[in-house]
Amino acid sequence: MSTLQTLKTFINQRLTVAVEEIFGLLETTISNYEEEINRQRRLIEDERSEFLIKKADMQQAMRFRVIIDHDIKKITFQNDIPSSVEDFIKVFKQAFSITTDISLQYKDADFDDFFTLTSTSDLKDKDTLKVVHMPPGIIMTTVPHERNPDNSDVSSVDDLLSADSQDNLIPSPPATERQHLWPALFPIPIFSYNTEMALRQGNEKFLKDGTLLTIPSIKSDILERLAETMFSYTAYPNDPQRAAVAQALIEKHPCLREPGSFNGCYGWQQSLKYKCGNYRSKLKAHGNPELIINTLKHKQEGDRKPAKNVKKPRKSEVNYLPPHPVGETDSSLENVRLELIAMSKIQDNGQMINDMMSRTYSCRRREVVGQSVQIAEFKERWPALFDPLQVNKVNEQSSCHTRKYLYYNSL
């Protein structure tokens, strides 16, 4: 065999070995890739199966922690929850044998507080719900009553509701006309029975060893009752007024002082700010005219901003924009106004005119505040108003004081 043939044979052998090694490595690499792909596919399939199972569980079963007065219960929906809040409440009433009217609140994870349930889409599995009892007449009762500084806010609602069930509940609306200006010393109302018991024990312990009360469940009841009492004096309390309420609260209940606060009640002052705003939102939804007048759709086109041209009473005004008397509507009061024009032309009927003017006070205030009627037109519509006796009566209604009282008080 020649040298050339030997070289050719050697090269063929080496190339064959190299090709076999390359194919072997390629086969190994491809095999590894196939195994990794199969592993990833199995992992995706497992995750997909787990997701479908969880999704099916969520669709088939939703569990809720339910607070009913002082009891904590559990309810499970095997299929899907009702789409409307009304149907959702019906299920709750049937499940827990509740015969009275109720509303539901859910605990929001972001704010760590309870909010009124307006859509079942806000709910998630294992959410906490609170059942709020609504006694008959609690929203519709608007009979005026005389307030007393010591016990002006004691109502029958506290006999029916516990502290845990009053959060974000619309209490008995205020009288159609306010009775007092903002007091020099704010009267702290009496809270629900459970809250009062907790405060009494907390005050005793504070006086004994300085221990502060740390029961978060009573805070919502305290803020709700304070907001209701503040609204009985003014719909838009300012910072000094909120500070006065917070100071009065910790003076009456020192166990509620806040550690780390420069005055012991700054946190209460801020909480009152947001609670009063929330309280106004709820009353606005029920058509309170003093609040409706400041909604965007009732403002001029250039003033449609939440903080622009907000109509509030002056310092001496109490009944700035009261609701209509119970049972009265715009049309019924318009009929009274027409009768009043005819009656103003007849002598010796002052008492009847007084009664009719009192009934239509809310109607006149809506014209003054909401429509900005010209004086000539206003005099034509309300001729009896320009009688000296009625001028004094208007001052008494708007500020709870007569002009004669203000004159003597200034001496």
Protein backbone atom coordinates (compact mmCIF):
# COMPACT_ATOMS: atom_id res chain seq x y z
CA MET A 1 0.00 0.00 0.00
CA SER A 2 1.39 3.36 -1.00
CA THR A 3 1.84 6.25 1.37
CA LEU A 4 -1.00 8.20 -0.23
CA GLN A 5 -3.48 5.40 0.30
CA THR A 6 -2.36 4.99 3.90
CA LEU A 7 -2.95 8.69 4.53
CA LYS A 8 -6.33 8.52 2.87
CA THR A 9 -7.35 5.58 5.05
CA PHE A 10 -6.14 7.30 8.20
CA ILE A 11 -8.05 10.48 7.39
CA ASN A 12 -11.25 8.52 6.66
CA GLN A 13 -10.95 6.72 9.97
CA ARG A 14 -10.45 9.96 11.90
CA LEU A 15 -13.30 11.67 10.10
CA THR A 16 -15.58 8.72 10.81
CA VAL A 17 -14.67 8.82 14.50
CA ALA A 18 -15.19 12.62 14.59
CA VAL A 19 -18.57 12.34 12.87
CA GLU A 20 -19.65 9.65 15.30
CA GLU A 21 -18.57 11.80 18.24
CA ILE A 22 -20.40 14.84 16.84
CA PHE A 23 -23.55 12.82 16.25
CA GLY A 24 -23.25 11.35 19.72
CA LEU A 25 -22.98 14.80 21.29
CA LEU A 26 -25.82 16.09 19.12
CA GLU A 27 -27.99 13.15 20.08
CA THR A 28 -27.24 13.75 23.76
CA THR A 29 -28.03 17.47 23.47
CA ILE A 30 -31.28 16.85 21.62
CA SER A 31 -32.26 14.23 24.16
CA ASN A 32 -31.59 16.69 27.00
CA TYR A 33 -33.65 19.36 25.27
CA GLU A 34 -36.52 16.93 24.72
CA GLU A 35 -36.44 15.94 28.38
CA GLU A 36 -36.45 19.60 29.46
CA ILE A 37 -39.31 20.40 27.09
CA ASN A 38 -41.29 17.44 28.39
CA ARG A 39 -40.60 18.50 31.96
CA GLN A 40 -41.73 22.06 31.24
CA ARG A 41 -44.84 20.76 29.48
CA ARG A 42 -45.72 18.56 32.45
CA LEU A 43 -45.13 21.49 34.81
CA ILE A 44 -47.41 23.75 32.74
CA GLU A 45 -50.07 21.08 32.60
CA ASP A 46 -49.86 20.59 36.35
CA GLU A 47 -50.13 24.34 36.97
CA ARG A 48 -53.00 24.61 34.52
CA SER A 49 -54.80 21.74 36.21
CA GLU A 50 -54.23 23.34 39.62
CA PHE A 51 -55.49 26.69 38.31
CA LEU A 52 -58.60 25.08 36.84
CA ILE A 53 -59.25 23.29 40.11
CA LYS A 54 -58.87 26.52 42.10
CA LYS A 55 -61.04 28.38 39.62
CA ALA A 56 -63.67 25.70 39.84
CA ASP A 57 -63.48 25.83 43.64
CA MET A 58 -63.86 29.60 43.58
CA GLN A 59 -66.85 29.36 41.29
CA GLN A 60 -68.41 26.53 43.17
CA ALA A 61 -67.66 27.56 46.76
CA MET A 62 -67.15 30.99 48.32
CA ARG A 63 -66.79 31.23 52.06
CA PHE A 64 -67.50 34.29 54.16
CA ARG A 65 -66.88 35.18 57.77
CA VAL A 66 -70.09 36.80 59.04
CA ILE A 67 -70.42 39.11 62.07
CA ILE A 68 -73.95 39.21 63.47
CA ASP A 69 -74.13 41.37 66.58
CA HIS A 70 -71.64 39.62 68.88
CA ASP A 71 -71.63 36.29 67.08
CA ILE A 72 -69.16 35.28 64.38
CA LYS A 73 -70.50 32.75 61.91
CA LYS A 74 -69.61 31.23 58.55
CA ILE A 75 -71.55 30.90 55.33
CA THR A 76 -70.55 28.98 52.18
CA PHE A 77 -71.93 29.39 48.68
CA GLN A 78 -71.44 26.11 46.84
CA ASN A 79 -72.14 27.41 43.35
CA ASP A 80 -71.91 31.14 42.68
CA ILE A 81 -73.01 34.12 44.77
CA PRO A 82 -76.10 36.08 43.65
CA SER A 83 -75.40 38.86 41.19
CA SER A 84 -77.45 41.51 42.99
CA VAL A 85 -77.06 42.78 46.55
CA GLU A 86 -80.81 42.40 47.18
CA ASP A 87 -80.73 38.67 46.36
CA PHE A 88 -77.54 38.33 48.36
CA ILE A 89 -79.26 39.83 51.42
CA LYS A 90 -82.26 37.52 50.94
CA VAL A 91 -79.94 34.51 51.12
CA PHE A 92 -78.41 35.85 54.34
CA LYS A 93 -81.80 36.47 55.93
CA GLN A 94 -82.91 32.95 55.06
CA ALA A 95 -79.64 31.30 56.15
CA PHE A 96 -79.54 33.00 59.57
CA SER A 97 -83.32 33.27 60.12
CA ILE A 98 -83.29 37.08 60.17
CA THR A 99 -86.74 38.65 60.01
CA THR A 100 -85.85 42.36 60.24
CA ASP A 101 -84.49 44.54 57.46
CA ILE A 102 -80.70 44.41 57.16
CA SER A 103 -77.86 45.77 55.10
CA LEU A 104 -74.44 44.24 54.56
CA GLN A 105 -70.96 45.68 54.93
CA TYR A 106 -67.69 44.13 53.79
CA LYS A 107 -64.22 44.67 55.23
CA ASP A 108 -61.93 46.38 52.74
CA ALA A 109 -58.34 45.12 52.90
CA ASP A 110 -56.86 48.44 51.77
CA PHE A 111 -58.52 50.61 54.42
CA ASP A 112 -59.02 47.94 57.10
CA ASP A 113 -62.55 49.21 57.65
CA PHE A 114 -66.11 48.19 56.82
CA PHE A 115 -67.89 49.67 53.80
CA THR A 116 -71.49 49.33 52.68
CA LEU A 117 -71.86 46.56 50.11
CA THR A 118 -73.14 48.01 46.82
CA SER A 119 -72.01 45.27 44.42
CA THR A 120 -71.33 41.58 44.94
CA SER A 121 -68.39 41.86 42.53
CA ASP A 122 -66.45 43.51 45.37
CA LEU A 123 -66.45 40.26 47.33
CA LYS A 124 -63.69 37.66 47.43
CA ASP A 125 -63.42 34.26 49.02
CA LYS A 126 -62.92 34.39 52.80
CA ASP A 127 -64.02 38.03 53.08
CA THR A 128 -65.52 39.33 56.32
CA LEU A 129 -69.11 40.57 56.18
CA LYS A 130 -71.08 42.44 58.82
CA VAL A 131 -74.85 42.27 59.18
CA VAL A 132 -76.32 45.66 60.06
CA HIS A 133 -79.86 45.60 61.44
CA MET A 134 -82.15 48.39 60.27
CA PRO A 135 -85.08 48.85 62.64
CA PRO A 136 -88.37 50.02 61.09
CA GLY A 137 -88.61 53.77 60.65
CA ILE A 138 -84.92 54.47 61.24
CA ILE A 139 -84.58 56.23 57.88
CA MET A 140 -88.03 57.67 57.31
CA THR A 141 -88.63 59.20 60.76
CA THR A 142 -88.14 62.98 60.60
CA VAL A 143 -90.35 64.21 63.44
CA PRO A 144 -88.77 67.33 65.03
CA HIS A 145 -87.74 67.01 68.64
CA GLU A 146 -86.35 69.32 71.25
CA ARG A 147 -82.68 68.68 72.00
CA ASN A 148 -81.07 68.91 75.41
CA PRO A 149 -77.30 69.57 75.78
CA ASP A 150 -76.90 66.70 78.22
CA ASN A 151 -78.74 63.90 76.44
CA SER A 152 -79.65 65.34 73.03
CA ASP A 153 -78.47 62.35 71.08
CA VAL A 154 -79.86 59.54 73.17
CA SER A 155 -82.24 57.68 70.88
CA SER A 156 -84.06 54.40 70.80
CA VAL A 157 -81.61 53.21 68.15
CA ASP A 158 -79.10 52.33 70.88
CA ASP A 159 -81.65 50.02 72.44
CA LEU A 160 -81.88 48.07 69.19
CA LEU A 161 -78.32 48.10 67.85
CA SER A 162 -75.03 46.95 69.31
CA ALA A 163 -71.72 48.75 68.80
CA ASP A 164 -70.61 46.35 66.11
CA SER A 165 -73.76 46.76 64.06
CA GLN A 166 -73.93 50.56 63.86
CA ASP A 167 -70.90 51.23 61.68
CA ASN A 168 -71.79 53.21 58.55
CA LEU A 169 -75.51 52.96 59.32
CA ILE A 170 -77.75 55.91 58.51
CA PRO A 171 -79.11 56.89 61.95
CA SER A 172 -82.36 58.72 62.60
CA PRO A 173 -82.16 61.79 60.40
CA PRO A 174 -82.05 65.15 62.11
CA ALA A 175 -85.15 67.19 62.69
CA THR A 176 -86.43 69.22 59.77
CA GLU A 177 -85.09 72.33 61.50
CA ARG A 178 -82.05 72.61 63.74
CA GLN A 179 -82.64 73.86 67.25
CA HIS A 180 -79.25 75.21 68.41
CA LEU A 181 -76.08 76.92 67.26
CA TRP A 182 -72.73 75.19 67.73
CA PRO A 183 -72.27 74.90 71.52
CA ALA A 184 -69.43 76.49 73.44
CA LEU A 185 -68.78 73.11 75.08
CA PHE A 186 -69.59 70.20 72.80
CA PRO A 187 -71.85 67.61 74.50
CA ILE A 188 -70.46 64.12 73.97
CA PRO A 189 -73.44 61.87 73.17
CA ILE A 190 -74.26 58.62 74.88
CA PHE A 191 -73.04 55.71 72.77
CA SER A 192 -74.48 52.21 72.49
CA TYR A 193 -74.69 50.10 75.62
CA ASN A 194 -71.68 47.94 74.77
CA THR A 195 -69.52 50.96 73.95
CA GLU A 196 -70.53 52.75 77.16
CA MET A 197 -69.67 49.65 79.20
CA ALA A 198 -66.26 49.38 77.52
CA LEU A 199 -65.59 53.10 78.10
CA ARG A 200 -66.58 52.92 81.75
CA GLN A 201 -64.24 50.02 82.37
CA GLY A 202 -61.52 51.69 80.32
CA ASN A 203 -61.81 54.96 82.28
CA GLU A 204 -61.61 53.11 85.59
CA LYS A 205 -58.50 51.28 84.47
CA PHE A 206 -56.94 54.47 83.13
CA LEU A 207 -57.48 56.29 86.41
CA LYS A 208 -56.04 53.33 88.27
CA ASP A 209 -52.82 52.65 86.33
CA GLY A 210 -52.88 54.85 83.22
CA THR A 211 -53.70 52.02 80.79
CA LEU A 212 -55.27 53.24 77.56
CA LEU A 213 -58.27 51.52 75.96
CA THR A 214 -57.36 49.45 72.89
CA ILE A 215 -60.61 48.01 71.51
CA PRO A 216 -60.81 48.87 67.78
CA SER A 217 -64.39 47.60 67.47
CA ILE A 218 -65.86 50.53 69.43
CA LYS A 219 -64.15 53.25 67.40
CA SER A 220 -66.63 53.07 64.52
CA ASP A 221 -69.59 53.44 66.90
CA ILE A 222 -67.96 56.44 68.60
CA LEU A 223 -67.19 58.19 65.31
CA GLU A 224 -70.67 57.50 63.91
CA ARG A 225 -72.46 58.95 66.93
CA LEU A 226 -70.14 61.96 67.02
CA ALA A 227 -70.69 62.63 63.32
CA GLU A 228 -74.47 62.44 63.83
CA THR A 229 -74.31 64.87 66.75
CA MET A 230 -72.05 67.27 64.85
CA PHE A 231 -74.47 67.23 61.91
CA SER A 232 -77.28 68.26 64.24
CA TYR A 233 -75.41 71.58 64.62
CA THR A 234 -73.73 72.01 61.23
CA ALA A 235 -73.29 69.97 58.06
CA TYR A 236 -69.77 71.26 57.45
CA PRO A 237 -67.77 71.39 60.70
CA ASN A 238 -64.41 73.15 60.38
CA ASP A 239 -61.04 72.22 61.87
CA PRO A 240 -61.49 74.12 65.18
CA GLN A 241 -64.89 72.52 65.68
CA ARG A 242 -63.55 69.02 64.99
CA ALA A 243 -60.65 69.73 67.35
CA ALA A 244 -63.13 70.84 70.04
CA VAL A 245 -65.11 67.61 69.64
CA ALA A 246 -61.96 65.47 69.85
CA GLN A 247 -60.80 67.37 72.94
CA ALA A 248 -64.19 67.01 74.60
CA LEU A 249 -64.12 63.28 73.84
CA ILE A 250 -60.81 62.58 75.60
CA GLU A 251 -61.75 64.85 78.49
CA LYS A 252 -64.91 62.84 79.14
CA HIS A 253 -63.24 59.51 78.32
CA PRO A 254 -59.50 59.85 79.11
CA CYS A 255 -58.92 56.19 78.25
CA LEU A 256 -59.30 57.19 74.58
CA ARG A 257 -56.22 59.41 74.59
CA GLU A 258 -53.76 58.57 71.83
CA PRO A 259 -50.17 57.71 72.72
CA GLY A 260 -47.63 59.70 70.73
CA SER A 261 -50.09 62.44 69.76
CA PHE A 262 -48.99 65.97 70.65
CA ASN A 263 -52.37 66.73 72.22
CA GLY A 264 -53.69 63.22 72.75
CA CYS A 265 -56.53 63.55 70.25
CA TYR A 266 -55.11 64.58 66.86
CA GLY A 267 -55.87 61.15 65.39
CA TRP A 268 -59.49 61.45 66.56
CA GLN A 269 -59.68 64.86 64.90
CA GLN A 270 -58.52 63.42 61.56
CA SER A 271 -60.84 60.43 61.87
CA LEU A 272 -63.77 62.79 62.47
CA LYS A 273 -62.86 64.67 59.30
CA TYR A 274 -63.23 61.56 57.15
CA LYS A 275 -66.21 60.18 59.11
CA CYS A 276 -68.13 63.45 58.69
CA GLY A 277 -67.41 63.32 54.96
CA ASN A 278 -68.66 59.73 54.82
CA TYR A 279 -71.75 60.70 56.85
CA ARG A 280 -72.52 63.54 54.45
CA SER A 281 -72.19 61.17 51.49
CA LYS A 282 -74.78 58.85 52.98
CA LEU A 283 -77.22 61.65 53.77
CA LYS A 284 -76.63 63.08 50.31
CA ALA A 285 -77.73 59.76 48.84
CA HIS A 286 -80.97 60.13 50.79
CA GLY A 287 -81.64 63.56 49.29
CA ASN A 288 -80.60 65.98 52.04
CA PRO A 289 -81.01 69.40 50.36
CA GLU A 290 -78.19 71.07 52.29
CA LEU A 291 -75.79 68.56 50.73
CA ILE A 292 -77.47 68.05 47.35
CA ILE A 293 -77.01 71.77 46.59
CA ASN A 294 -73.22 71.23 46.50
CA THR A 295 -73.20 68.27 44.11
CA LEU A 296 -71.57 68.88 40.74
CA LYS A 297 -74.78 68.63 38.72
CA HIS A 298 -76.35 71.43 40.79
CA LYS A 299 -73.45 73.82 40.21
CA GLN A 300 -72.94 76.26 37.39
CA GLU A 301 -71.00 74.94 34.40
CA GLY A 302 -67.85 76.90 35.31
CA ASP A 303 -68.01 75.87 38.99
CA ARG A 304 -68.27 72.11 38.59
CA LYS A 305 -65.40 71.24 40.88
CA PRO A 306 -65.87 69.54 44.27
CA ALA A 307 -64.16 72.30 46.29
CA LYS A 308 -65.41 75.30 44.29
CA ASN A 309 -68.32 77.50 45.32
CA VAL A 310 -69.41 75.24 48.19
CA LYS A 311 -72.55 76.75 49.72
CA LYS A 312 -72.37 76.70 53.51
CA PRO A 313 -74.24 78.54 56.26
CA ARG A 314 -72.71 81.61 57.83
CA LYS A 315 -71.60 81.55 61.42
CA SER A 316 -74.95 82.71 62.80
CA GLU A 317 -77.11 80.57 60.50
CA VAL A 318 -78.51 77.29 61.74
CA ASN A 319 -81.29 76.27 59.34
CA TYR A 320 -79.42 77.11 56.16
CA LEU A 321 -81.21 74.73 53.79
CA PRO A 322 -83.54 72.40 55.73
CA PRO A 323 -85.56 69.60 54.12
CA HIS A 324 -89.28 69.94 53.55
CA PRO A 325 -91.59 69.12 56.47
CA VAL A 326 -92.73 65.53 56.71
CA GLY A 327 -95.30 64.72 54.04
CA GLU A 328 -94.70 67.89 52.03
CA THR A 329 -93.44 68.06 48.44
CA ASP A 330 -92.53 70.84 46.04
CA SER A 331 -95.99 70.78 44.49
CA SER A 332 -97.85 70.76 47.82
CA LEU A 333 -95.78 73.66 49.14
CA GLU A 334 -96.36 75.57 45.89
CA ASN A 335 -100.11 75.26 46.56
CA VAL A 336 -99.54 76.58 50.08
CA ARG A 337 -97.58 79.51 48.63
CA LEU A 338 -100.48 80.43 46.34
CA GLU A 339 -102.90 80.22 49.27
CA LEU A 340 -100.50 82.37 51.28
CA ILE A 341 -100.63 85.15 48.66
CA ALA A 342 -104.40 85.22 48.94
CA MET A 343 -104.31 85.11 52.75
CA SER A 344 -101.86 88.03 52.93
CA LYS A 345 -104.56 90.29 51.50
CA ILE A 346 -106.97 89.48 54.34
CA GLN A 347 -106.66 91.13 57.73
CA ASP A 348 -106.72 89.50 61.17
CA ASN A 349 -105.29 86.16 60.06
CA GLY A 350 -101.77 86.52 61.45
CA GLN A 351 -101.73 83.10 63.12
CA MET A 352 -102.71 81.32 59.91
CA ILE A 353 -100.07 83.24 57.96
CA ASN A 354 -97.46 82.29 60.59
CA ASP A 355 -98.34 78.63 60.24
CA MET A 356 -98.20 78.72 56.44
CA MET A 357 -94.93 80.68 56.44
CA SER A 358 -93.39 78.13 58.79
CA ARG A 359 -94.49 75.28 56.52
CA THR A 360 -92.95 76.94 53.45
CA TYR A 361 -89.67 78.04 55.06
CA SER A 362 -87.69 75.25 53.37
CA CYS A 363 -89.21 76.19 50.00
CA ARG A 364 -88.08 79.83 50.35
CA ARG A 365 -84.58 78.81 51.39
CA ARG A 366 -84.23 76.69 48.26
CA GLU A 367 -85.17 79.67 46.13
CA VAL A 368 -82.69 81.96 47.93
CA VAL A 369 -79.75 79.54 48.02
CA GLY A 370 -80.29 77.51 44.89
CA GLN A 371 -81.95 79.90 42.45
CA SER A 372 -80.69 83.35 43.57
CA VAL A 373 -84.08 84.97 42.91
CA GLN A 374 -84.16 88.76 42.43
CA ILE A 375 -85.66 90.79 45.29
CA ALA A 376 -88.54 92.15 43.19
CA GLU A 377 -89.53 88.66 42.06
CA PHE A 378 -89.06 87.27 45.54
CA LYS A 379 -91.30 90.00 47.01
CA GLU A 380 -93.95 89.18 44.44
CA ARG A 381 -93.81 85.48 45.26
CA TRP A 382 -93.70 85.95 49.06
CA PRO A 383 -95.44 89.23 49.95
CA ALA A 384 -96.10 88.15 53.55
CA LEU A 385 -92.39 87.76 54.17
CA PHE A 386 -91.84 91.52 54.18
CA ASP A 387 -94.10 92.08 57.15
CA PRO A 388 -91.99 93.14 60.23
CA LEU A 389 -93.40 90.26 62.24
CA GLN A 390 -92.32 87.76 59.58
CA VAL A 391 -88.85 89.33 59.32
CA ASN A 392 -88.37 88.63 63.01
CA LYS A 393 -89.77 85.10 62.52
CA VAL A 394 -87.29 84.40 59.70
CA ASN A 395 -84.38 85.47 61.89
CA GLU A 396 -85.65 83.16 64.60
CA GLN A 397 -85.85 80.22 62.20
CA SER A 398 -82.47 80.80 60.59
CA SER A 399 -80.46 81.52 63.74
CA CYS A 400 -82.67 80.19 66.58
CA HIS A 401 -82.70 83.72 68.06
CA THR A 402 -85.07 86.63 67.60
CA ARG A 403 -83.85 90.06 66.60
CA LYS A 404 -84.99 91.30 70.01
CA TYR A 405 -82.83 88.66 71.70
CA LEU A 406 -79.81 89.64 69.62
CA TYR A 407 -80.38 93.30 70.46
CA TYR A 408 -80.53 92.73 74.21
CA ASN A 409 -77.65 90.29 74.06
CA SER A 410 -75.43 92.92 72.43
CA LEU A 411 -76.06 95.41 75.26
